[in-house]
Amino acid sequence: MSKLSFRARALDASKPLPVFRCEDLPDLHEYASINRAVPQMPTGMEKEEESVQPFKQGAVY
């Protein structure tokens, strides 16, 4: 099984990396379609158990 990674290859320390100022960056709206989300993996729990909320009140007798 391969590990999901955002970088295809390791950084090369001998090559300079570009540095951008916020005014030099393009609008985020242009890149909103890029999806870099990590796919959700199964937890091994039942679906109902995953959404259980913690018990916050004391027991009423």
Protein backbone atom coordinates (compact mmCIF):
# COMPACT_ATOMS: atom_id res chain seq x y z
CA MET A 1 0.00 0.00 0.00
CA SER A 2 1.47 3.35 -0.99
CA LYS A 3 1.43 6.34 1.32
CA LEU A 4 -0.55 9.36 0.11
CA SER A 5 1.75 12.33 -0.31
CA PHE A 6 1.22 15.90 -1.47
CA ARG A 7 4.74 16.20 -2.91
CA ALA A 8 5.69 13.96 -5.80
CA ARG A 9 9.41 14.13 -5.01
CA ALA A 10 11.68 15.25 -2.20
CA LEU A 11 12.87 18.83 -1.97
CA ASP A 12 16.27 19.53 -3.47
CA ALA A 13 18.27 21.67 -1.02
CA SER A 14 20.58 22.85 -3.80
CA LYS A 15 17.73 24.55 -5.71
CA PRO A 16 16.27 27.86 -4.53
CA LEU A 17 12.60 28.03 -3.59
CA PRO A 18 10.50 31.00 -4.70
CA VAL A 19 9.27 33.39 -1.99
CA PHE A 20 6.02 35.24 -2.64
CA ARG A 21 4.59 38.31 -0.94
CA CYS A 22 0.84 38.34 -0.34
CA GLU A 23 0.33 41.12 -2.90
CA ASP A 24 2.12 38.98 -5.51
CA LEU A 25 -0.16 35.98 -5.01
CA PRO A 26 -3.05 35.44 -7.41
CA ASP A 27 -6.63 35.36 -6.17
CA LEU A 28 -7.58 32.18 -4.39
CA HIS A 29 -10.81 32.01 -6.39
CA GLU A 30 -8.81 31.06 -9.48
CA TYR A 31 -7.42 28.01 -7.68
CA ALA A 32 -10.50 27.01 -5.68
CA SER A 33 -11.11 24.05 -7.98
CA ILE A 34 -7.84 22.40 -6.88
CA ASN A 35 -8.77 19.68 -4.41
CA ARG A 36 -5.93 18.60 -2.14
CA ALA A 37 -8.07 17.00 0.52
CA VAL A 38 -6.99 13.72 2.00
CA PRO A 39 -9.54 10.99 1.31
CA GLN A 40 -11.45 9.83 4.36
CA MET A 41 -10.33 6.42 5.54
CA PRO A 42 -12.59 3.91 7.28
CA THR A 43 -12.26 3.98 11.07
CA GLY A 44 -13.40 0.45 11.80
CA MET A 45 -16.30 1.77 13.90
CA GLU A 46 -19.98 1.50 13.14
CA LYS A 47 -21.35 4.56 11.34
CA GLU A 48 -23.71 5.32 14.26
CA GLU A 49 -20.82 5.21 16.75
CA GLU A 50 -18.79 7.74 14.78
CA SER A 51 -21.44 10.41 15.29
CA VAL A 52 -22.15 9.79 19.01
CA GLN A 53 -21.94 13.00 21.04
CA PRO A 54 -20.28 12.95 24.47
CA PHE A 55 -22.59 12.80 27.49
CA LYS A 56 -22.48 16.28 29.06
CA GLN A 57 -25.15 16.18 31.80
CA GLY A 58 -25.17 14.17 34.98
CA ALA A 59 -27.57 11.30 35.35
CA VAL A 60 -31.02 12.20 36.66
CA TYR A 61 -32.36 9.79 39.30
